[in-house]
Amino acid sequence: MDFIAFNYLGNIFDVANLLAMLLGVLVGLVIGAIPGLSPPMAIALMIPVSFQFPPETALILLVSCFAAGIYGGSFSAILLRAPGTSASAASSIEGYEMTRRGKAIQAIRISTFASVVGGIISGIVLLILAPPLAQVALLFGPAEYFLVAILGLTAIASVSFGSVFKGLLSGAFGLLISTIGIDQYSGFPRFTFDFVGFEAGLGILPAIIGLFAFAQALELSEGDAKNTISGVQKLSWRIWPDLAEIFNLRWSFIRGWGVGLIMGIIPAAGGSVAQWIAYAWEIRRAKPGDKFGEGEPKGLAATEGSNNGVTGTSLVPMFVLGIPGGISAAVIFGALMIHGLQPGLRLFKNSPEIIYTIMWGFIAANVIMGFFAIFLARIMAYLTVIPRGLIAPLIMIFSVIGTYAGTNNIYDVWIMMGFGVIGYLMMKTNFSTAGLLLGLILGPIAEDGMRDMLIVSNNSPVSYILTRPISMALVFSIAFIIYISFKPQPWQEK
């Protein structure tokens, strides 16, 4: 590491910078935990506050909010199956099943360790390798974006427990409805049926809240109103895992962190894609006796490691190239420009004290996040001992409020409810809600990548792909994953 980075480590102990970290972490955790109130919204809310601070303090506030917001979304995903962020959707599968089996605190322990350590590692990678990693981002063109989306879609076969065919149907349905709305290239309305609410397309936020939170509220309404989600009345307060627990899940953590670090560098991928690739990879590495889909800690460790492993490296293309790695990074990019900082290599040359202080602040914010989690997790865990008759309507109310607050569009509330009914019926008939969501998320990425690839290749996409090494590597990866997806897996043996 360049020793110049260490010269600015002491800057994070400035009182203003420490207060900015504390405020950013607190706001990020709280807003991230509420379905519908995403990290980009939390960051946007903090931008006016940041005007009062010098650039480094302002950006520390925003990146702290970003890191904590991703982790905060895991609380509601694990405890209520209501992901607070799109990057926590995969965690709701294993995390909520653990909660139902009375292992909510264990799930939070795994999430906390994976998220905190993943964020720290991601921050260190950002600090050390920002300029070299930015060159990797430049190697990704339309073909690579298209193939990354297809690679993500291969995860559908892995996360479709019980029936791969039903999972693929769910994914195909997700791809179909991802085309709803006015085409941004031609301006032609697709599948809108003259309904104004469909013209902007089906947003990811209403889909996530509907498929997971609202559908789960409908399912909870079926049971005895006096029962709790987990069936337990007392909770353990050991929030940090012991060494034996970490050792048993060590490879799951490492694989999750690795996927997050890599996917964070690729603009437009981010945690929403990384979590599903990490989860699918973990399932493919499973052994006899593992119970994926029924509360398997390995799956939760991988997804939680990946979504926070993304955070630091997603800032790499933004700081060095001026290309935001995701929505949250785009909001931070705007704040960077507002404070008079021009992203690029000149930022590292002309203002090293600012950029390196921000990076150190990001790492420190992840450490602070771990201490905050100890106290917040104890409060949030009480949700699992609230009777179903009370928690179900509360989830419905927060789903409506969160959707409207996130989009300011009443049509999205109705769309969310529609997704909720669809999600409920899919759960009852063993179709994959995860597959539908994957198709909806990756559909636009694949479509845009394919359209751009056809343009730059003069309608010769195959020959274009054959000339690009990264594209060929992705093609082989996709083919291999499809091949093993239809082979019986050892962990499924009785």
Protein backbone atom coordinates (compact mmCIF):
# COMPACT_ATOMS: atom_id res chain seq x y z
CA MET A 1 0.00 0.00 0.00
CA ASP A 2 1.20 3.50 -0.76
CA PHE A 3 2.32 5.03 2.54
CA ILE A 4 0.51 8.23 1.63
CA ALA A 5 -2.75 6.48 2.60
CA PHE A 6 -1.52 5.98 6.18
CA ASN A 7 -0.70 9.67 6.47
CA TYR A 8 -4.41 10.47 6.53
CA LEU A 9 -5.56 7.74 8.93
CA GLY A 10 -5.48 10.15 11.84
CA ASN A 11 -7.99 12.44 10.13
CA ILE A 12 -10.87 10.12 10.93
CA PHE A 13 -10.39 10.83 14.65
CA ASP A 14 -11.36 14.45 14.12
CA VAL A 15 -14.48 15.14 16.20
CA ALA A 16 -16.52 16.26 13.19
CA ASN A 17 -15.58 13.15 11.21
CA LEU A 18 -16.42 10.83 14.11
CA LEU A 19 -19.80 12.51 14.59
CA ALA A 20 -20.46 12.19 10.85
CA MET A 21 -19.73 8.46 11.02
CA LEU A 22 -22.00 7.97 14.02
CA LEU A 23 -24.84 9.90 12.40
CA GLY A 24 -24.43 8.13 9.06
CA VAL A 25 -24.36 4.67 10.62
CA LEU A 26 -27.41 5.35 12.80
CA VAL A 27 -29.49 6.80 9.95
CA GLY A 28 -28.41 4.04 7.58
CA LEU A 29 -29.29 1.24 10.01
CA VAL A 30 -32.71 2.62 10.85
CA ILE A 31 -33.79 3.57 7.33
CA GLY A 32 -32.30 0.43 5.80
CA ALA A 33 -34.29 -1.75 8.20
CA ILE A 34 -37.63 -0.27 7.08
CA PRO A 35 -38.96 -1.92 3.90
CA GLY A 36 -39.23 0.69 1.18
CA LEU A 37 -36.77 3.17 2.68
CA SER A 38 -33.61 2.19 0.83
CA PRO A 39 -29.96 3.26 1.28
CA PRO A 40 -30.14 5.67 -1.71
CA MET A 41 -33.04 7.41 0.03
CA ALA A 42 -31.09 7.60 3.31
CA ILE A 43 -28.09 9.05 1.46
CA ALA A 44 -30.28 11.56 -0.37
CA LEU A 45 -31.83 12.68 2.92
CA MET A 46 -28.36 13.32 4.33
CA ILE A 47 -27.12 15.40 1.38
CA PRO A 48 -28.72 18.66 2.63
CA VAL A 49 -27.18 17.99 6.05
CA SER A 50 -23.78 17.47 4.43
CA PHE A 51 -23.78 21.03 3.04
CA GLN A 52 -22.79 22.25 6.49
CA PHE A 53 -19.56 20.20 6.54
CA PRO A 54 -16.25 20.30 4.66
CA PRO A 55 -16.05 17.84 1.72
CA GLU A 56 -14.29 14.99 3.54
CA THR A 57 -16.69 15.10 6.50
CA ALA A 58 -19.71 15.33 4.20
CA LEU A 59 -18.62 12.33 2.14
CA ILE A 60 -17.80 10.31 5.27
CA LEU A 61 -21.38 10.94 6.41
CA LEU A 62 -22.75 9.63 3.09
CA VAL A 63 -20.53 6.54 2.72
CA SER A 64 -21.25 5.61 6.35
CA CYS A 65 -24.95 5.84 5.60
CA PHE A 66 -24.43 3.64 2.53
CA ALA A 67 -22.56 0.87 4.37
CA ALA A 68 -24.98 0.77 7.30
CA GLY A 69 -28.05 0.94 5.07
CA ILE A 70 -27.13 -2.28 3.26
CA TYR A 71 -26.65 -4.11 6.58
CA GLY A 72 -29.79 -2.57 8.10
CA GLY A 73 -31.92 -4.14 5.38
CA SER A 74 -30.95 -7.55 6.70
CA PHE A 75 -32.79 -7.09 10.00
CA SER A 76 -36.26 -7.04 8.49
CA ALA A 77 -35.26 -9.65 5.89
CA ILE A 78 -34.19 -12.11 8.57
CA LEU A 79 -36.83 -11.39 11.19
CA LEU A 80 -39.91 -10.74 9.04
CA ARG A 81 -39.01 -11.92 5.51
CA ALA A 82 -39.44 -8.29 4.51
CA PRO A 83 -36.13 -7.16 2.94
CA GLY A 84 -35.31 -3.57 3.74
CA THR A 85 -33.16 -3.32 0.59
CA SER A 86 -32.93 -5.15 -2.73
CA ALA A 87 -29.49 -6.40 -1.65
CA SER A 88 -31.08 -8.30 1.26
CA ALA A 89 -33.72 -10.23 -0.69
CA ALA A 90 -31.70 -13.45 -0.88
CA SER A 91 -30.95 -13.29 2.85
CA SER A 92 -34.66 -13.51 3.60
CA ILE A 93 -34.77 -17.09 2.31
CA GLU A 94 -32.44 -18.76 4.81
CA GLY A 95 -32.59 -15.99 7.41
CA TYR A 96 -36.34 -16.08 7.87
CA GLU A 97 -36.39 -19.88 7.96
CA MET A 98 -33.87 -19.71 10.79
CA THR A 99 -36.13 -17.21 12.57
CA ARG A 100 -39.11 -19.55 12.19
CA ARG A 101 -37.07 -22.27 13.86
CA GLY A 102 -36.24 -20.10 16.86
CA LYS A 103 -32.73 -19.19 15.61
CA ALA A 104 -33.26 -15.49 14.99
CA ILE A 105 -30.32 -14.40 17.15
CA GLN A 106 -28.01 -16.91 15.47
CA ALA A 107 -29.07 -15.52 12.07
CA ILE A 108 -28.39 -11.96 13.22
CA ARG A 109 -24.98 -13.06 14.57
CA ILE A 110 -24.05 -14.49 11.18
CA SER A 111 -25.36 -11.42 9.36
CA THR A 112 -23.51 -9.03 11.66
CA PHE A 113 -20.15 -10.77 11.34
CA ALA A 114 -20.46 -11.25 7.57
CA SER A 115 -21.55 -7.66 6.97
CA VAL A 116 -19.04 -5.93 9.26
CA VAL A 117 -16.03 -7.95 8.13
CA GLY A 118 -17.17 -7.86 4.49
CA GLY A 119 -17.48 -4.07 4.64
CA ILE A 120 -14.04 -3.72 6.22
CA ILE A 121 -12.42 -5.98 3.61
CA SER A 122 -14.20 -4.12 0.83
CA GLY A 123 -12.98 -0.81 2.25
CA ILE A 124 -9.39 -2.05 2.44
CA VAL A 125 -9.56 -3.24 -1.18
CA LEU A 126 -10.92 0.19 -2.14
CA LEU A 127 -8.07 1.88 -0.29
CA ILE A 128 -5.29 -0.25 -1.78
CA LEU A 129 -6.44 -1.13 -5.27
CA ALA A 130 -8.78 1.63 -6.47
CA PRO A 131 -6.81 2.74 -9.58
CA PRO A 132 -5.87 -0.80 -10.78
CA LEU A 133 -9.40 -2.13 -10.21
CA ALA A 134 -10.87 0.77 -12.15
CA GLN A 135 -9.02 -0.52 -15.22
CA VAL A 136 -10.93 -3.81 -14.84
CA ALA A 137 -14.22 -1.91 -14.98
CA LEU A 138 -13.13 -0.40 -18.30
CA LEU A 139 -12.88 -3.91 -19.79
CA PHE A 140 -16.62 -4.44 -19.40
CA GLY A 141 -18.66 -3.49 -22.42
CA PRO A 142 -22.19 -4.31 -23.68
CA ALA A 143 -21.36 -7.99 -24.23
CA GLU A 144 -20.04 -8.40 -20.69
CA TYR A 145 -23.06 -6.68 -19.14
CA PHE A 146 -25.38 -8.94 -21.10
CA LEU A 147 -23.48 -12.08 -20.11
CA VAL A 148 -23.25 -11.04 -16.45
CA ALA A 149 -27.05 -10.73 -16.45
CA ILE A 150 -27.36 -14.20 -18.00
CA LEU A 151 -24.89 -15.53 -15.42
CA GLY A 152 -27.12 -14.11 -12.70
CA LEU A 153 -30.15 -15.77 -14.28
CA THR A 154 -28.47 -19.18 -13.99
CA ALA A 155 -28.92 -18.81 -10.24
CA ILE A 156 -32.66 -19.43 -10.76
CA ALA A 157 -32.04 -23.15 -11.15
CA SER A 158 -30.15 -23.24 -7.85
CA VAL A 159 -32.64 -21.25 -5.77
CA SER A 160 -35.68 -23.14 -7.10
CA PHE A 161 -36.08 -25.64 -4.28
CA GLY A 162 -38.26 -28.62 -5.11
CA SER A 163 -38.83 -27.94 -8.82
CA VAL A 164 -36.29 -26.51 -11.25
CA PHE A 165 -38.98 -26.37 -13.95
CA LYS A 166 -41.23 -24.20 -11.78
CA GLY A 167 -38.26 -22.03 -10.94
CA LEU A 168 -37.42 -21.50 -14.60
CA LEU A 169 -41.07 -20.65 -15.32
CA SER A 170 -40.95 -18.10 -12.50
CA GLY A 171 -37.78 -16.58 -13.93
CA ALA A 172 -39.27 -16.44 -17.42
CA PHE A 173 -42.33 -14.67 -16.01
CA GLY A 174 -40.02 -12.19 -14.29
CA LEU A 175 -38.21 -11.53 -17.58
CA LEU A 176 -41.54 -11.02 -19.33
CA ILE A 177 -42.92 -8.47 -16.88
CA SER A 178 -39.56 -6.66 -16.80
CA THR A 179 -40.38 -5.47 -20.34
CA ILE A 180 -43.57 -3.69 -19.21
CA GLY A 181 -43.43 0.08 -19.69
CA ILE A 182 -42.41 2.62 -22.29
CA ASP A 183 -39.29 1.51 -24.15
CA GLN A 184 -36.57 4.08 -23.47
CA TYR A 185 -35.10 3.76 -26.98
CA SER A 186 -38.20 3.85 -29.19
CA GLY A 187 -40.74 5.43 -26.85
CA PHE A 188 -43.16 2.61 -27.67
CA PRO A 189 -45.41 1.44 -24.79
CA ARG A 190 -45.04 -2.29 -24.12
CA PHE A 191 -47.75 -4.32 -22.34
CA THR A 192 -49.16 -1.23 -20.63
CA PHE A 193 -52.78 -1.88 -21.74
CA ASP A 194 -53.35 1.89 -21.60
CA PHE A 195 -52.85 1.84 -17.82
CA VAL A 196 -50.89 4.90 -16.69
CA GLY A 197 -49.38 3.05 -13.73
CA PHE A 198 -47.57 0.63 -16.06
CA GLU A 199 -45.93 3.26 -18.27
CA ALA A 200 -42.89 3.66 -15.99
CA GLY A 201 -42.50 -0.10 -15.74
CA LEU A 202 -42.70 -2.36 -12.71
CA GLY A 203 -40.22 -1.06 -10.15
CA ILE A 204 -37.91 -3.29 -8.14
CA LEU A 205 -39.02 -1.72 -4.86
CA PRO A 206 -42.76 -2.57 -5.15
CA ALA A 207 -41.82 -6.05 -6.36
CA ILE A 208 -39.53 -6.81 -3.43
CA ILE A 209 -41.93 -5.46 -0.82
CA GLY A 210 -44.87 -7.24 -2.40
CA LEU A 211 -43.26 -10.61 -3.08
CA PHE A 212 -41.61 -10.88 0.30
CA ALA A 213 -43.14 -8.55 2.90
CA PHE A 214 -46.82 -8.28 1.86
CA ALA A 215 -46.98 -11.94 0.80
CA GLN A 216 -45.46 -12.95 4.14
CA ALA A 217 -48.05 -10.85 5.98
CA LEU A 218 -50.79 -12.72 4.13
CA GLU A 219 -49.20 -16.03 5.13
CA LEU A 220 -48.88 -14.94 8.77
CA SER A 221 -52.58 -14.03 8.79
CA GLU A 222 -53.44 -17.70 8.34
CA GLY A 223 -52.03 -18.91 11.65
CA ASP A 224 -53.19 -18.60 15.22
CA ALA A 225 -53.24 -14.88 16.06
CA LYS A 226 -51.64 -15.54 19.46
CA ASN A 227 -48.65 -17.47 18.15
CA THR A 228 -45.31 -15.79 17.43
CA ILE A 229 -43.23 -16.11 14.27
CA SER A 230 -40.55 -18.22 15.90
CA GLY A 231 -42.65 -19.92 18.57
CA VAL A 232 -40.21 -18.82 21.30
CA GLN A 233 -40.76 -16.34 24.11
CA LYS A 234 -37.18 -15.75 25.29
CA LEU A 235 -34.20 -14.55 23.28
CA SER A 236 -30.46 -14.99 23.68
CA TRP A 237 -28.42 -11.79 23.60
CA ARG A 238 -25.12 -13.10 22.28
CA ILE A 239 -24.93 -11.03 19.08
CA TRP A 240 -21.33 -11.76 18.05
CA PRO A 241 -20.52 -15.33 16.91
CA ASP A 242 -17.90 -17.40 18.71
CA LEU A 243 -14.80 -18.79 17.03
CA ALA A 244 -16.32 -22.24 16.47
CA GLU A 245 -19.31 -20.75 14.65
CA ILE A 246 -17.04 -18.60 12.47
CA PHE A 247 -14.77 -21.56 11.71
CA ASN A 248 -17.67 -23.77 10.63
CA LEU A 249 -18.87 -21.13 8.16
CA ARG A 250 -15.45 -19.80 7.13
CA TRP A 251 -15.59 -20.86 3.49
CA SER A 252 -19.15 -19.58 3.08
CA PHE A 253 -18.04 -16.19 4.39
CA ILE A 254 -14.99 -16.15 2.11
CA ARG A 255 -16.97 -17.09 -0.99
CA GLY A 256 -19.58 -14.45 -0.22
CA TRP A 257 -16.97 -11.73 0.34
CA GLY A 258 -15.15 -12.74 -2.85
CA VAL A 259 -18.28 -12.53 -5.00
CA GLY A 260 -19.17 -9.17 -3.48
CA LEU A 261 -15.72 -7.69 -4.10
CA ILE A 262 -15.77 -8.74 -7.75
CA MET A 263 -19.36 -7.78 -8.53
CA GLY A 264 -18.94 -4.40 -6.86
CA ILE A 265 -16.41 -3.35 -9.49
CA ILE A 266 -18.90 -3.95 -12.31
CA PRO A 267 -21.20 -0.94 -12.80
CA ALA A 268 -24.94 -1.78 -12.67
CA ALA A 269 -24.38 -5.15 -10.99
CA GLY A 270 -23.97 -4.46 -7.27
CA GLY A 271 -25.47 -6.25 -4.28
CA SER A 272 -28.76 -7.06 -6.00
CA VAL A 273 -26.92 -9.39 -8.40
CA ALA A 274 -24.00 -10.41 -6.16
CA GLN A 275 -26.22 -11.92 -3.44
CA TRP A 276 -27.92 -14.33 -5.85
CA ILE A 277 -24.67 -15.43 -7.49
CA ALA A 278 -23.12 -16.00 -4.04
CA TYR A 279 -26.19 -17.90 -2.89
CA ALA A 280 -26.28 -20.10 -5.99
CA TRP A 281 -22.55 -20.80 -5.68
CA GLU A 282 -23.02 -21.78 -2.05
CA ILE A 283 -25.78 -24.21 -2.96
CA ARG A 284 -23.55 -25.80 -5.59
CA ARG A 285 -20.84 -26.27 -2.95
CA ALA A 286 -23.26 -27.88 -0.50
CA LYS A 287 -22.68 -31.25 1.16
CA PRO A 288 -25.00 -34.04 2.30
CA GLY A 289 -26.90 -32.92 5.37
CA ASP A 290 -27.14 -29.25 4.38
CA LYS A 291 -30.71 -27.94 4.38
CA PHE A 292 -30.89 -25.09 1.91
CA GLY A 293 -34.30 -23.47 1.81
CA GLU A 294 -34.96 -24.63 5.38
CA GLY A 295 -32.70 -22.30 7.34
CA GLU A 296 -29.16 -23.22 6.28
CA PRO A 297 -26.59 -20.89 7.94
CA LYS A 298 -24.14 -21.34 5.04
CA GLY A 299 -26.55 -19.70 2.63
CA LEU A 300 -27.09 -16.73 4.94
CA ALA A 301 -23.34 -16.31 5.50
CA ALA A 302 -22.72 -16.16 1.74
CA THR A 303 -25.50 -13.69 0.92
CA GLU A 304 -24.69 -11.36 3.82
CA GLY A 305 -20.99 -11.44 3.03
CA SER A 306 -21.61 -10.61 -0.61
CA ASN A 307 -23.97 -7.65 -0.17
CA ASN A 308 -21.60 -5.75 2.12
CA GLY A 309 -18.54 -6.94 0.22
CA VAL A 310 -19.96 -4.94 -2.67
CA THR A 311 -20.09 -1.61 -0.85
CA GLY A 312 -16.44 -0.55 -0.97
CA THR A 313 -15.54 -1.83 -4.42
CA SER A 314 -18.71 -0.30 -5.93
CA LEU A 315 -17.13 3.08 -5.14
CA VAL A 316 -14.02 2.24 -7.18
CA PRO A 317 -15.35 3.11 -10.67
CA MET A 318 -17.04 6.21 -9.21
CA PHE A 319 -13.94 7.67 -7.57
CA VAL A 320 -11.50 6.80 -10.38
CA LEU A 321 -13.61 6.88 -13.56
CA GLY A 322 -16.67 8.89 -12.63
CA ILE A 323 -18.87 5.86 -13.35
CA PRO A 324 -21.20 5.06 -10.41
CA GLY A 325 -21.31 1.35 -9.58
CA GLY A 326 -24.96 1.45 -8.51
CA ILE A 327 -27.83 3.69 -7.40
CA SER A 328 -26.29 4.48 -4.01
CA ALA A 329 -22.94 5.24 -5.63
CA ALA A 330 -24.74 7.49 -8.12
CA VAL A 331 -26.26 9.54 -5.28
CA ILE A 332 -22.84 9.82 -3.62
CA PHE A 333 -21.40 10.81 -7.01
CA GLY A 334 -23.87 13.69 -7.14
CA ALA A 335 -22.84 14.82 -3.67
CA LEU A 336 -19.18 14.61 -4.70
CA MET A 337 -19.84 16.99 -7.58
CA ILE A 338 -21.90 19.32 -5.39
CA HIS A 339 -18.92 19.68 -3.04
CA GLY A 340 -16.71 20.67 -5.96
CA LEU A 341 -14.78 17.41 -6.35
CA GLN A 342 -14.21 16.02 -9.85
CA PRO A 343 -13.91 12.20 -9.86
CA GLY A 344 -10.95 10.73 -11.68
CA LEU A 345 -7.24 10.14 -11.20
CA ARG A 346 -6.80 13.87 -10.66
CA LEU A 347 -8.82 13.54 -7.47
CA PHE A 348 -6.13 11.22 -6.07
CA LYS A 349 -3.36 13.53 -7.29
CA ASN A 350 -4.79 16.94 -6.35
CA SER A 351 -6.85 16.11 -3.24
CA PRO A 352 -5.34 12.98 -1.63
CA GLU A 353 -6.16 14.22 1.87
CA ILE A 354 -9.87 14.23 0.99
CA ILE A 355 -10.15 10.94 -0.90
CA TYR A 356 -8.01 8.90 1.51
CA THR A 357 -9.76 10.36 4.54
CA ILE A 358 -13.09 9.29 3.02
CA MET A 359 -11.78 5.77 2.43
CA TRP A 360 -10.46 5.45 5.99
CA GLY A 361 -13.78 6.82 7.21
CA PHE A 362 -15.63 4.13 5.27
CA ILE A 363 -13.57 1.41 6.97
CA ALA A 364 -14.07 2.96 10.40
CA ALA A 365 -17.83 3.27 9.77
CA ASN A 366 -18.06 -0.49 9.28
CA VAL A 367 -16.35 -1.03 12.64
CA ILE A 368 -18.74 1.40 14.33
CA MET A 369 -21.62 -0.38 12.60
CA GLY A 370 -20.72 -3.57 14.46
CA PHE A 371 -21.06 -1.85 17.83
CA PHE A 372 -24.35 -0.21 16.87
CA ALA A 373 -25.66 -3.58 15.71
CA ILE A 374 -25.19 -5.09 19.16
CA PHE A 375 -27.76 -2.69 20.59
CA LEU A 376 -30.10 -2.37 17.61
CA ALA A 377 -30.30 -6.14 17.09
CA ARG A 378 -31.59 -6.64 20.62
CA ILE A 379 -34.44 -4.24 19.95
CA MET A 380 -35.26 -5.58 16.49
CA ALA A 381 -35.25 -9.22 17.64
CA TYR A 382 -38.30 -8.55 19.78
CA LEU A 383 -40.30 -8.52 16.55
CA THR A 384 -40.10 -12.31 16.58
CA VAL A 385 -42.00 -12.57 19.89
CA ILE A 386 -44.86 -10.29 18.84
CA PRO A 387 -48.07 -12.29 18.19
CA ARG A 388 -48.95 -12.99 14.56
CA GLY A 389 -52.26 -11.17 14.95
CA LEU A 390 -50.35 -7.95 15.57
CA ILE A 391 -47.25 -8.34 13.42
CA ALA A 392 -49.13 -9.28 10.21
CA PRO A 393 -51.16 -6.04 9.97
CA LEU A 394 -48.08 -4.04 11.00
CA ILE A 395 -46.12 -5.53 8.08
CA MET A 396 -48.97 -4.66 5.72
CA ILE A 397 -49.10 -1.08 6.98
CA PHE A 398 -45.33 -0.61 6.69
CA SER A 399 -45.40 -2.20 3.22
CA VAL A 400 -47.90 0.39 2.01
CA ILE A 401 -46.15 3.30 3.74
CA GLY A 402 -42.69 2.18 2.62
CA THR A 403 -43.73 1.73 -0.99
CA TYR A 404 -45.38 5.12 -1.20
CA ALA A 405 -42.53 6.86 0.63
CA GLY A 406 -40.01 5.24 -1.69
CA THR A 407 -41.68 6.19 -4.97
CA ASN A 408 -44.32 8.89 -4.19
CA ASN A 409 -46.57 7.04 -6.63
CA ILE A 410 -49.93 5.59 -5.57
CA TYR A 411 -49.87 3.26 -8.57
CA ASP A 412 -46.80 1.54 -7.11
CA VAL A 413 -48.78 0.77 -3.95
CA TRP A 414 -51.36 -1.13 -6.02
CA ILE A 415 -48.58 -2.85 -7.96
CA MET A 416 -46.96 -3.85 -4.66
CA MET A 417 -50.22 -5.38 -3.45
CA GLY A 418 -50.57 -7.23 -6.75
CA PHE A 419 -47.08 -8.66 -6.33
CA GLY A 420 -48.05 -9.59 -2.77
CA VAL A 421 -50.97 -11.69 -3.93
CA ILE A 422 -48.83 -13.26 -6.67
CA GLY A 423 -46.08 -14.02 -4.14
CA TYR A 424 -48.58 -15.58 -1.73
CA LEU A 425 -50.00 -17.84 -4.45
CA MET A 426 -46.50 -18.77 -5.62
CA MET A 427 -45.51 -19.84 -2.10
CA LYS A 428 -48.62 -22.00 -1.87
CA THR A 429 -47.95 -23.69 -5.21
CA ASN A 430 -44.17 -24.11 -4.78
CA PHE A 431 -43.18 -21.60 -7.46
CA SER A 432 -40.04 -19.54 -6.87
CA THR A 433 -40.57 -15.92 -5.83
CA ALA A 434 -36.78 -15.58 -5.90
CA GLY A 435 -36.77 -16.67 -9.55
CA LEU A 436 -39.41 -14.08 -10.45
CA LEU A 437 -37.47 -11.33 -8.69
CA LEU A 438 -34.23 -12.35 -10.39
CA GLY A 439 -35.88 -12.16 -13.79
CA LEU A 440 -37.32 -8.74 -12.99
CA ILE A 441 -33.96 -7.37 -11.78
CA LEU A 442 -31.78 -8.82 -14.52
CA GLY A 443 -34.17 -8.41 -17.43
CA PRO A 444 -33.41 -4.71 -18.10
CA ILE A 445 -29.64 -5.28 -17.68
CA ALA A 446 -29.73 -8.14 -20.19
CA GLU A 447 -31.96 -6.22 -22.63
CA ASP A 448 -29.82 -3.08 -22.58
CA GLY A 449 -26.63 -5.13 -22.92
CA MET A 450 -28.04 -7.11 -25.85
CA ARG A 451 -29.32 -3.99 -27.62
CA ASP A 452 -25.99 -2.16 -27.23
CA MET A 453 -24.05 -5.27 -28.26
CA LEU A 454 -26.08 -5.57 -31.48
CA ILE A 455 -25.28 -1.95 -32.26
CA VAL A 456 -21.52 -2.08 -31.65
CA SER A 457 -21.16 -5.48 -33.35
CA ASN A 458 -23.13 -4.52 -36.49
CA ASN A 459 -25.67 -7.26 -35.70
CA SER A 460 -22.92 -9.90 -35.35
CA PRO A 461 -23.03 -10.61 -31.59
CA VAL A 462 -21.47 -14.10 -31.78
CA SER A 463 -18.31 -13.00 -33.58
CA TYR A 464 -18.12 -9.98 -31.28
CA ILE A 465 -18.23 -12.18 -28.17
CA LEU A 466 -15.61 -14.55 -29.60
CA THR A 467 -13.10 -11.70 -29.81
CA ARG A 468 -13.45 -10.71 -26.14
CA PRO A 469 -11.68 -12.91 -23.54
CA ILE A 470 -13.85 -11.84 -20.61
CA SER A 471 -16.99 -12.58 -22.62
CA MET A 472 -15.72 -16.04 -23.47
CA ALA A 473 -14.88 -16.74 -19.84
CA LEU A 474 -18.43 -15.74 -18.90
CA VAL A 475 -19.88 -17.97 -21.63
CA PHE A 476 -17.96 -20.99 -20.33
CA SER A 477 -19.05 -20.18 -16.78
CA ILE A 478 -22.70 -20.00 -17.84
CA ALA A 479 -22.47 -23.30 -19.75
CA PHE A 480 -20.81 -25.06 -16.81
CA ILE A 481 -23.37 -23.78 -14.31
CA ILE A 482 -26.28 -24.85 -16.54
CA TYR A 483 -24.72 -28.30 -16.88
CA ILE A 484 -24.33 -28.88 -13.16
CA SER A 485 -27.72 -27.32 -12.36
CA PHE A 486 -29.55 -30.33 -13.74
CA LYS A 487 -27.37 -32.91 -12.03
CA PRO A 488 -28.59 -34.38 -8.71
CA GLN A 489 -26.84 -32.59 -5.85
CA PRO A 490 -25.29 -34.48 -2.89
CA TRP A 491 -26.97 -32.26 -0.31
CA GLN A 492 -30.40 -33.22 -1.69
CA GLU A 493 -29.81 -36.94 -1.08
CA LYS A 494 -31.95 -38.43 1.64
